[in-house]
PDB file of all heavy atoms in Angstrom:
ATOM      1  N   SER A   1     198.190 324.147 156.492  1.00  0.00           N
ATOM      2  CA  SER A   1     199.038 323.249 157.119  1.00  0.00           C
ATOM      3  C   SER A   1     200.095 323.892 157.817  1.00  0.00           C
ATOM      4  O   SER A   1     200.431 323.554 158.989  1.00  0.00           O
ATOM      5  CB  SER A   1     199.525 322.189 156.159  1.00  0.00           C
ATOM      6  OG  SER A   1     200.471 321.347 156.655  1.00  0.00           O
ATOM      7  N   LEU A   2     200.844 324.920 157.303  1.00  0.00           N
ATOM      8  CA  LEU A   2     201.816 325.600 157.927  1.00  0.00           C
ATOM      9  C   LEU A   2     201.396 326.375 159.189  1.00  0.00           C
ATOM     10  O   LEU A   2     202.028 326.373 160.207  1.00  0.00           O
ATOM     11  CB  LEU A   2     202.512 326.540 156.953  1.00  0.00           C
ATOM     12  CG  LEU A   2     203.487 325.944 155.940  1.00  0.00           C
ATOM     13  CD1 LEU A   2     203.983 327.042 154.946  1.00  0.00           C
ATOM     14  CD2 LEU A   2     204.608 325.119 156.480  1.00  0.00           C
ATOM     15  N   ILE A   3     200.279 327.095 159.044  1.00  0.00           N
ATOM     16  CA  ILE A   3     199.759 327.939 160.143  1.00  0.00           C
ATOM     17  C   ILE A   3     199.418 327.109 161.295  1.00  0.00           C
ATOM     18  O   ILE A   3     199.703 327.382 162.452  1.00  0.00           O
ATOM     19  CB  ILE A   3     198.489 328.704 159.674  1.00  0.00           C
ATOM     20  CG1 ILE A   3     198.970 329.790 158.629  1.00  0.00           C
ATOM     21  CG2 ILE A   3     197.905 329.473 160.816  1.00  0.00           C
ATOM     22  CD1 ILE A   3     197.813 330.533 157.953  1.00  0.00           C
ATOM     23  N   ARG A   4     198.821 325.954 160.973  1.00  0.00           N
ATOM     24  CA  ARG A   4     198.509 324.974 162.038  1.00  0.00           C
ATOM     25  C   ARG A   4     199.641 324.495 162.894  1.00  0.00           C
ATOM     26  O   ARG A   4     199.622 324.260 164.094  1.00  0.00           O
ATOM     27  CB  ARG A   4     197.743 323.771 161.497  1.00  0.00           C
ATOM     28  CG  ARG A   4     196.266 324.108 161.162  1.00  0.00           C
ATOM     29  CD  ARG A   4     195.604 322.827 160.531  1.00  0.00           C
ATOM     30  NE  ARG A   4     194.202 322.749 160.639  1.00  0.00           N
ATOM     31  CZ  ARG A   4     193.503 321.931 159.901  1.00  0.00           C
ATOM     32  NH1 ARG A   4     194.099 321.039 159.138  1.00  0.00           N
ATOM     33  NH2 ARG A   4     192.137 321.926 160.070  1.00  0.00           N
ATOM     34  N   GLN A   5     200.813 324.396 162.268  1.00  0.00           N
ATOM     35  CA  GLN A   5     201.945 323.785 162.785  1.00  0.00           C
ATOM     36  C   GLN A   5     202.762 324.750 163.659  1.00  0.00           C
ATOM     37  O   GLN A   5     203.609 324.427 164.483  1.00  0.00           O
ATOM     38  CB  GLN A   5     202.931 323.217 161.759  1.00  0.00           C
ATOM     39  CG  GLN A   5     202.323 322.010 161.036  1.00  0.00           C
ATOM     40  CD  GLN A   5     203.386 321.531 159.911  1.00  0.00           C
ATOM     41  OE1 GLN A   5     204.370 321.123 160.173  1.00  0.00           O
ATOM     42  NE2 GLN A   5     202.838 321.649 158.720  1.00  0.00           N
ATOM     43  N   ILE A   6     202.657 326.036 163.447  1.00  0.00           N
ATOM     44  CA  ILE A   6     203.416 327.134 164.130  1.00  0.00           C
ATOM     45  C   ILE A   6     203.310 326.980 165.582  1.00  0.00           C
ATOM     46  O   ILE A   6     204.480 327.018 166.263  1.00  0.00           O
ATOM     47  CB  ILE A   6     203.044 328.488 163.640  1.00  0.00           C
ATOM     48  CG1 ILE A   6     203.489 328.670 162.248  1.00  0.00           C
ATOM     49  CG2 ILE A   6     203.636 329.563 164.496  1.00  0.00           C
ATOM     50  CD1 ILE A   6     202.951 329.979 161.563  1.00  0.00           C
ATOM     51  N   PRO A   7     202.236 326.887 166.242  1.00  0.00           N
ATOM     52  CA  PRO A   7     202.171 326.809 167.723  1.00  0.00           C
ATOM     53  C   PRO A   7     202.886 325.618 168.271  1.00  0.00           C
ATOM     54  O   PRO A   7     203.747 325.805 169.211  1.00  0.00           O
ATOM     55  CB  PRO A   7     200.584 326.723 168.062  1.00  0.00           C
ATOM     56  CG  PRO A   7     200.002 327.364 166.899  1.00  0.00           C
ATOM     57  CD  PRO A   7     200.842 326.993 165.702  1.00  0.00           C
ATOM     58  N   ASN A   8     202.767 324.478 167.705  1.00  0.00           N
ATOM     59  CA  ASN A   8     203.435 323.271 168.138  1.00  0.00           C
ATOM     60  C   ASN A   8     204.975 323.306 167.864  1.00  0.00           C
ATOM     61  O   ASN A   8     205.808 322.916 168.687  1.00  0.00           O
ATOM     62  CB  ASN A   8     202.866 322.105 167.655  1.00  0.00           C
ATOM     63  CG  ASN A   8     201.520 321.760 168.143  1.00  0.00           C
ATOM     64  OD1 ASN A   8     201.065 322.094 169.347  1.00  0.00           O
ATOM     65  ND2 ASN A   8     200.642 321.083 167.441  1.00  0.00           N
ATOM     66  N   GLU A   9     205.311 323.869 166.710  1.00  0.00           N
ATOM     67  CA  GLU A   9     206.696 323.838 166.229  1.00  0.00           C
ATOM     68  C   GLU A   9     207.547 324.933 166.950  1.00  0.00           C
ATOM     69  O   GLU A   9     208.696 324.720 167.244  1.00  0.00           O
ATOM     70  CB  GLU A   9     206.742 323.987 164.766  1.00  0.00           C
ATOM     71  CG  GLU A   9     208.078 323.901 164.157  1.00  0.00           C
ATOM     72  CD  GLU A   9     208.625 322.479 164.107  1.00  0.00           C
ATOM     73  OE1 GLU A   9     207.888 321.542 164.236  1.00  0.00           O
ATOM     74  OE2 GLU A   9     209.929 322.268 163.994  1.00  0.00           O
ATOM     75  N   PHE A  10     206.825 326.060 167.235  1.00  0.00           N
ATOM     76  CA  PHE A  10     207.681 327.218 167.740  1.00  0.00           C
ATOM     77  C   PHE A  10     207.108 327.775 169.027  1.00  0.00           C
ATOM     78  O   PHE A  10     207.710 328.600 169.614  1.00  0.00           O
ATOM     79  CB  PHE A  10     207.630 328.378 166.602  1.00  0.00           C
ATOM     80  CG  PHE A  10     208.389 327.926 165.334  1.00  0.00           C
ATOM     81  CD1 PHE A  10     207.593 327.399 164.309  1.00  0.00           C
ATOM     82  CD2 PHE A  10     209.712 328.067 165.246  1.00  0.00           C
ATOM     83  CE1 PHE A  10     208.287 327.166 163.147  1.00  0.00           C
ATOM     84  CE2 PHE A  10     210.409 327.747 164.061  1.00  0.00           C
ATOM     85  CZ  PHE A  10     209.622 327.251 162.963  1.00  0.00           C
ATOM     86  N   GLY A  11     206.007 327.285 169.497  1.00  0.00           N
ATOM     87  CA  GLY A  11     205.438 327.675 170.706  1.00  0.00           C
ATOM     88  C   GLY A  11     204.815 329.101 170.716  1.00  0.00           C
ATOM     89  O   GLY A  11     204.582 329.740 171.776  1.00  0.00           O
ATOM     90  N   ALA A  12     204.504 329.597 169.501  1.00  0.00           N
ATOM     91  CA  ALA A  12     203.987 330.940 169.371  1.00  0.00           C
ATOM     92  C   ALA A  12     202.476 330.977 169.259  1.00  0.00           C
ATOM     93  O   ALA A  12     201.903 330.007 168.608  1.00  0.00           O
ATOM     94  CB  ALA A  12     204.616 331.586 168.050  1.00  0.00           C
ATOM     95  N   LEU A  13     201.882 331.999 169.792  1.00  0.00           N
ATOM     96  CA  LEU A  13     200.330 332.207 169.566  1.00  0.00           C
ATOM     97  C   LEU A  13     200.228 332.954 168.265  1.00  0.00           C
ATOM     98  O   LEU A  13     200.963 333.911 167.898  1.00  0.00           O
ATOM     99  CB  LEU A  13     199.890 333.077 170.703  1.00  0.00           C
ATOM    100  CG  LEU A  13     198.364 333.655 170.614  1.00  0.00           C
ATOM    101  CD1 LEU A  13     197.427 332.323 170.774  1.00  0.00           C
ATOM    102  CD2 LEU A  13     198.052 334.679 171.645  1.00  0.00           C
ATOM    103  N   VAL A  14     199.300 332.509 167.385  1.00  0.00           N
ATOM    104  CA  VAL A  14     199.056 332.995 166.106  1.00  0.00           C
ATOM    105  C   VAL A  14     197.715 333.722 166.139  1.00  0.00           C
ATOM    106  O   VAL A  14     196.737 333.170 166.489  1.00  0.00           O
ATOM    107  CB  VAL A  14     199.097 331.997 165.044  1.00  0.00           C
ATOM    108  CG1 VAL A  14     198.832 332.604 163.655  1.00  0.00           C
ATOM    109  CG2 VAL A  14     200.473 331.224 164.987  1.00  0.00           C
ATOM    110  N   ILE A  15     197.632 334.989 165.581  1.00  0.00           N
ATOM    111  CA  ILE A  15     196.480 335.665 165.356  1.00  0.00           C
ATOM    112  C   ILE A  15     196.338 335.923 163.817  1.00  0.00           C
ATOM    113  O   ILE A  15     197.218 336.482 163.240  1.00  0.00           O
ATOM    114  CB  ILE A  15     196.387 336.996 166.114  1.00  0.00           C
ATOM    115  CG1 ILE A  15     196.550 336.771 167.599  1.00  0.00           C
ATOM    116  CG2 ILE A  15     194.994 337.721 165.870  1.00  0.00           C
ATOM    117  CD1 ILE A  15     196.610 337.997 168.471  1.00  0.00           C
ATOM    118  N   LEU A  16     195.263 335.520 163.308  1.00  0.00           N
ATOM    119  CA  LEU A  16     194.956 335.541 161.813  1.00  0.00           C
ATOM    120  C   LEU A  16     193.882 336.506 161.411  1.00  0.00           C
ATOM    121  O   LEU A  16     192.770 336.390 161.986  1.00  0.00           O
ATOM    122  CB  LEU A  16     194.696 334.079 161.302  1.00  0.00           C
ATOM    123  CG  LEU A  16     194.255 334.023 159.885  1.00  0.00           C
ATOM    124  CD1 LEU A  16     195.372 334.212 158.995  1.00  0.00           C
ATOM    125  CD2 LEU A  16     193.578 332.532 159.730  1.00  0.00           C
ATOM    126  N   VAL A  17     194.208 337.432 160.606  1.00  0.00           N
ATOM    127  CA  VAL A  17     193.173 338.224 159.965  1.00  0.00           C
ATOM    128  C   VAL A  17     193.006 337.863 158.547  1.00  0.00           C
ATOM    129  O   VAL A  17     193.999 337.872 157.790  1.00  0.00           O
ATOM    130  CB  VAL A  17     193.597 339.852 160.090  1.00  0.00           C
ATOM    131  CG1 VAL A  17     192.738 340.554 159.061  1.00  0.00           C
ATOM    132  CG2 VAL A  17     193.476 340.331 161.496  1.00  0.00           C
ATOM    133  N   ASP A  18     191.839 337.509 158.142  1.00  0.00           N
ATOM    134  CA  ASP A  18     191.632 337.054 156.685  1.00  0.00           C
ATOM    135  C   ASP A  18     190.146 337.198 156.454  1.00  0.00           C
ATOM    136  O   ASP A  18     189.315 337.070 157.291  1.00  0.00           O
ATOM    137  CB  ASP A  18     192.086 335.691 156.516  1.00  0.00           C
ATOM    138  CG  ASP A  18     192.570 335.484 155.021  1.00  0.00           C
ATOM    139  OD1 ASP A  18     191.715 335.474 154.131  1.00  0.00           O
ATOM    140  OD2 ASP A  18     193.756 335.443 154.830  1.00  0.00           O
ATOM    141  N   HIS A  19     189.795 337.539 155.104  1.00  0.00           N
ATOM    142  CA  HIS A  19     188.412 337.484 154.752  1.00  0.00           C
ATOM    143  C   HIS A  19     187.831 336.205 154.288  1.00  0.00           C
ATOM    144  O   HIS A  19     186.702 336.019 153.966  1.00  0.00           O
ATOM    145  CB  HIS A  19     188.285 338.531 153.605  1.00  0.00           C
ATOM    146  CG  HIS A  19     188.301 339.974 154.055  1.00  0.00           C
ATOM    147  ND1 HIS A  19     187.354 340.583 154.903  1.00  0.00           N
ATOM    148  CD2 HIS A  19     189.156 341.045 153.907  1.00  0.00           C
ATOM    149  CE1 HIS A  19     187.623 341.810 155.146  1.00  0.00           C
ATOM    150  NE2 HIS A  19     188.732 342.056 154.543  1.00  0.00           N
ATOM    151  N   ASP A  20     188.802 335.233 154.166  1.00  0.00           N
ATOM    152  CA  ASP A  20     188.440 333.876 153.733  1.00  0.00           C
ATOM    153  C   ASP A  20     187.837 333.042 155.028  1.00  0.00           C
ATOM    154  O   ASP A  20     188.664 332.628 155.825  1.00  0.00           O
ATOM    155  CB  ASP A  20     189.672 333.175 153.158  1.00  0.00           C
ATOM    156  CG  ASP A  20     189.327 331.733 152.585  1.00  0.00           C
ATOM    157  OD1 ASP A  20     188.296 331.196 152.945  1.00  0.00           O
ATOM    158  OD2 ASP A  20     190.175 331.264 151.792  1.00  0.00           O
ATOM    159  N   MET A  21     186.602 333.003 155.131  1.00  0.00           N
ATOM    160  CA  MET A  21     186.023 332.449 156.245  1.00  0.00           C
ATOM    161  C   MET A  21     186.275 330.994 156.291  1.00  0.00           C
ATOM    162  O   MET A  21     186.301 330.354 157.467  1.00  0.00           O
ATOM    163  CB  MET A  21     184.489 332.667 156.348  1.00  0.00           C
ATOM    164  CG  MET A  21     184.068 334.160 156.574  1.00  0.00           C
ATOM    165  SD  MET A  21     184.860 334.815 158.173  1.00  0.00           S
ATOM    166  CE  MET A  21     186.266 335.749 157.576  1.00  0.00           C
ATOM    167  N   ASP A  22     186.507 330.291 155.189  1.00  0.00           N
ATOM    168  CA  ASP A  22     186.866 328.877 155.175  1.00  0.00           C
ATOM    169  C   ASP A  22     188.242 328.701 155.889  1.00  0.00           C
ATOM    170  O   ASP A  22     188.421 327.804 156.632  1.00  0.00           O
ATOM    171  CB  ASP A  22     186.798 328.302 153.760  1.00  0.00           C
ATOM    172  CG  ASP A  22     185.500 328.124 153.188  1.00  0.00           C
ATOM    173  OD1 ASP A  22     184.504 327.993 154.012  1.00  0.00           O
ATOM    174  OD2 ASP A  22     185.296 328.149 151.989  1.00  0.00           O
ATOM    175  N   LEU A  23     189.137 329.512 155.557  1.00  0.00           N
ATOM    176  CA  LEU A  23     190.464 329.460 156.105  1.00  0.00           C
ATOM    177  C   LEU A  23     190.342 329.769 157.650  1.00  0.00           C
ATOM    178  O   LEU A  23     190.952 329.022 158.430  1.00  0.00           O
ATOM    179  CB  LEU A  23     191.394 330.582 155.471  1.00  0.00           C
ATOM    180  CG  LEU A  23     192.756 330.830 156.092  1.00  0.00           C
ATOM    181  CD1 LEU A  23     193.548 329.511 156.082  1.00  0.00           C
ATOM    182  CD2 LEU A  23     193.465 331.857 155.254  1.00  0.00           C
ATOM    183  N   VAL A  24     189.665 330.762 158.036  1.00  0.00           N
ATOM    184  CA  VAL A  24     189.517 331.123 159.431  1.00  0.00           C
ATOM    185  C   VAL A  24     188.883 330.056 160.224  1.00  0.00           C
ATOM    186  O   VAL A  24     189.315 329.547 161.386  1.00  0.00           O
ATOM    187  CB  VAL A  24     188.690 332.391 159.667  1.00  0.00           C
ATOM    188  CG1 VAL A  24     188.362 332.668 161.109  1.00  0.00           C
ATOM    189  CG2 VAL A  24     189.448 333.578 159.141  1.00  0.00           C
ATOM    190  N   SER A  25     187.792 329.479 159.629  1.00  0.00           N
ATOM    191  CA  SER A  25     187.039 328.337 160.387  1.00  0.00           C
ATOM    192  C   SER A  25     187.923 327.017 160.450  1.00  0.00           C
ATOM    193  O   SER A  25     187.725 326.291 161.410  1.00  0.00           O
ATOM    194  CB  SER A  25     185.739 328.058 159.760  1.00  0.00           C
ATOM    195  OG  SER A  25     185.966 327.605 158.346  1.00  0.00           O
ATOM    196  N   THR A  26     188.751 326.943 159.471  1.00  0.00           N
ATOM    197  CA  THR A  26     189.621 325.576 159.454  1.00  0.00           C
ATOM    198  C   THR A  26     190.761 325.692 160.529  1.00  0.00           C
ATOM    199  O   THR A  26     191.065 324.761 161.186  1.00  0.00           O
ATOM    200  CB  THR A  26     190.212 325.507 158.147  1.00  0.00           C
ATOM    201  OG1 THR A  26     189.138 325.266 157.123  1.00  0.00           O
ATOM    202  CG2 THR A  26     191.085 324.179 157.995  1.00  0.00           C
ATOM    203  N   VAL A  27     191.396 326.893 160.720  1.00  0.00           N
ATOM    204  CA  VAL A  27     192.540 326.996 161.536  1.00  0.00           C
ATOM    205  C   VAL A  27     192.470 327.609 162.989  1.00  0.00           C
ATOM    206  O   VAL A  27     193.268 327.415 163.750  1.00  0.00           O
ATOM    207  CB  VAL A  27     193.722 327.606 160.724  1.00  0.00           C
ATOM    208  CG1 VAL A  27     194.076 326.968 159.446  1.00  0.00           C
ATOM    209  CG2 VAL A  27     193.430 329.105 160.550  1.00  0.00           C
ATOM    210  N   CYS A  28     191.332 328.308 163.103  1.00  0.00           N
ATOM    211  CA  CYS A  28     191.201 329.145 164.348  1.00  0.00           C
ATOM    212  C   CYS A  28     190.277 328.442 165.408  1.00  0.00           C
ATOM    213  O   CYS A  28     189.172 328.124 165.126  1.00  0.00           O
ATOM    214  CB  CYS A  28     190.722 330.590 164.062  1.00  0.00           C
ATOM    215  SG  CYS A  28     191.719 331.533 162.834  1.00  0.00           S
ATOM    216  N   GLY A  29     190.837 328.317 166.551  1.00  0.00           N
ATOM    217  CA  GLY A  29     190.062 327.791 167.698  1.00  0.00           C
ATOM    218  C   GLY A  29     189.190 328.894 168.218  1.00  0.00           C
ATOM    219  O   GLY A  29     188.003 328.598 168.576  1.00  0.00           O
ATOM    220  N   THR A  30     189.654 330.094 168.373  1.00  0.00           N
ATOM    221  CA  THR A  30     188.877 331.211 168.909  1.00  0.00           C
ATOM    222  C   THR A  30     188.875 332.319 167.883  1.00  0.00           C
ATOM    223  O   THR A  30     189.811 332.651 167.166  1.00  0.00           O
ATOM    224  CB  THR A  30     189.470 331.768 170.254  1.00  0.00           C
ATOM    225  OG1 THR A  30     189.507 330.809 171.274  1.00  0.00           O
ATOM    226  CG2 THR A  30     188.805 333.077 170.709  1.00  0.00           C
ATOM    227  N   THR A  31     187.679 332.962 167.721  1.00  0.00           N
ATOM    228  CA  THR A  31     187.673 334.108 166.744  1.00  0.00           C
ATOM    229  C   THR A  31     186.930 335.379 167.406  1.00  0.00           C
ATOM    230  O   THR A  31     185.895 335.057 168.158  1.00  0.00           O
ATOM    231  CB  THR A  31     186.886 333.686 165.466  1.00  0.00           C
ATOM    232  OG1 THR A  31     187.688 332.731 164.762  1.00  0.00           O
ATOM    233  CG2 THR A  31     186.672 334.914 164.533  1.00  0.00           C
ATOM    234  N   ALA A  32     187.417 336.460 167.173  1.00  0.00           N
ATOM    235  CA  ALA A  32     186.699 337.696 167.516  1.00  0.00           C
ATOM    236  C   ALA A  32     186.308 338.523 166.337  1.00  0.00           C
ATOM    237  O   ALA A  32     186.992 338.466 165.261  1.00  0.00           O
ATOM    238  CB  ALA A  32     187.632 338.574 168.356  1.00  0.00           C
ATOM    239  N   VAL A  33     185.116 339.192 166.471  1.00  0.00           N
ATOM    240  CA  VAL A  33     184.679 339.973 165.430  1.00  0.00           C
ATOM    241  C   VAL A  33     184.649 341.404 165.869  1.00  0.00           C
ATOM    242  O   VAL A  33     184.131 341.764 166.880  1.00  0.00           O
ATOM    243  CB  VAL A  33     183.196 339.534 165.042  1.00  0.00           C
ATOM    244  CG1 VAL A  33     182.694 340.379 163.779  1.00  0.00           C
ATOM    245  CG2 VAL A  33     183.077 338.013 164.648  1.00  0.00           C
ATOM    246  N   LEU A  34     185.296 342.190 164.991  1.00  0.00           N
ATOM    247  CA  LEU A  34     185.287 343.682 165.269  1.00  0.00           C
ATOM    248  C   LEU A  34     184.311 344.329 164.264  1.00  0.00           C
ATOM    249  O   LEU A  34     184.182 343.965 163.043  1.00  0.00           O
ATOM    250  CB  LEU A  34     186.694 344.298 165.018  1.00  0.00           C
ATOM    251  CG  LEU A  34     187.723 344.012 166.010  1.00  0.00           C
ATOM    252  CD1 LEU A  34     189.042 344.605 165.623  1.00  0.00           C
ATOM    253  CD2 LEU A  34     187.373 344.524 167.392  1.00  0.00           C
ATOM    254  N   ASP A  35     183.707 345.484 164.670  1.00  0.00           N
ATOM    255  CA  ASP A  35     182.910 346.239 163.878  1.00  0.00           C
ATOM    256  C   ASP A  35     182.942 347.697 164.323  1.00  0.00           C
ATOM    257  O   ASP A  35     182.659 347.929 165.562  1.00  0.00           O
ATOM    258  CB  ASP A  35     181.470 345.752 163.718  1.00  0.00           C
ATOM    259  CG  ASP A  35     180.627 346.625 162.678  1.00  0.00           C
ATOM    260  OD1 ASP A  35     181.141 346.674 161.532  1.00  0.00           O
ATOM    261  OD2 ASP A  35     179.592 346.993 162.979  1.00  0.00           O
ATOM    262  N   PHE A  36     183.396 348.655 163.557  1.00  0.00           N
ATOM    263  CA  PHE A  36     183.549 350.050 163.860  1.00  0.00           C
ATOM    264  C   PHE A  36     184.273 350.183 165.188  1.00  0.00           C
ATOM    265  O   PHE A  36     183.968 350.988 166.039  1.00  0.00           O
ATOM    266  CB  PHE A  36     182.095 350.681 164.042  1.00  0.00           C
ATOM    267  CG  PHE A  36     181.394 350.859 162.650  1.00  0.00           C
ATOM    268  CD1 PHE A  36     180.219 350.011 162.376  1.00  0.00           C
ATOM    269  CD2 PHE A  36     181.794 351.741 161.720  1.00  0.00           C
ATOM    270  CE1 PHE A  36     179.629 350.159 161.223  1.00  0.00           C
ATOM    271  CE2 PHE A  36     181.176 351.834 160.559  1.00  0.00           C
ATOM    272  CZ  PHE A  36     180.048 351.097 160.216  1.00  0.00           C
ATOM    273  N   GLY A  37     185.295 349.415 165.318  1.00  0.00           N
ATOM    274  CA  GLY A  37     186.190 349.573 166.542  1.00  0.00           C
ATOM    275  C   GLY A  37     185.773 348.915 167.767  1.00  0.00           C
ATOM    276  O   GLY A  37     186.436 348.997 168.749  1.00  0.00           O
ATOM    277  N   HIS A  38     184.693 348.121 167.715  1.00  0.00           N
ATOM    278  CA  HIS A  38     184.139 347.431 168.877  1.00  0.00           C
ATOM    279  C   HIS A  38     184.154 345.949 168.686  1.00  0.00           C
ATOM    280  O   HIS A  38     183.917 345.465 167.562  1.00  0.00           O
ATOM    281  CB  HIS A  38     182.655 347.900 169.156  1.00  0.00           C
ATOM    282  CG  HIS A  38     182.533 349.367 169.478  1.00  0.00           C
ATOM    283  ND1 HIS A  38     182.664 349.927 170.738  1.00  0.00           N
ATOM    284  CD2 HIS A  38     182.231 350.444 168.694  1.00  0.00           C
ATOM    285  CE1 HIS A  38     182.483 351.215 170.741  1.00  0.00           C
ATOM    286  NE2 HIS A  38     182.180 351.504 169.438  1.00  0.00           N
TER     287      HIS A  38
END
C-alpha cells in the first residue's frame, strides 16, 4: 500500500528489486529482467 502511494504522494519514480514475484506483480507496471549483466 505504501509503495503504491509514493508516486502520487511525492511525485517520485520508484524502482523495486525483490525476489517476491507476488509483490513485484502487484505493484510494478513495468518490469525488467537482468541475467549475467544483460
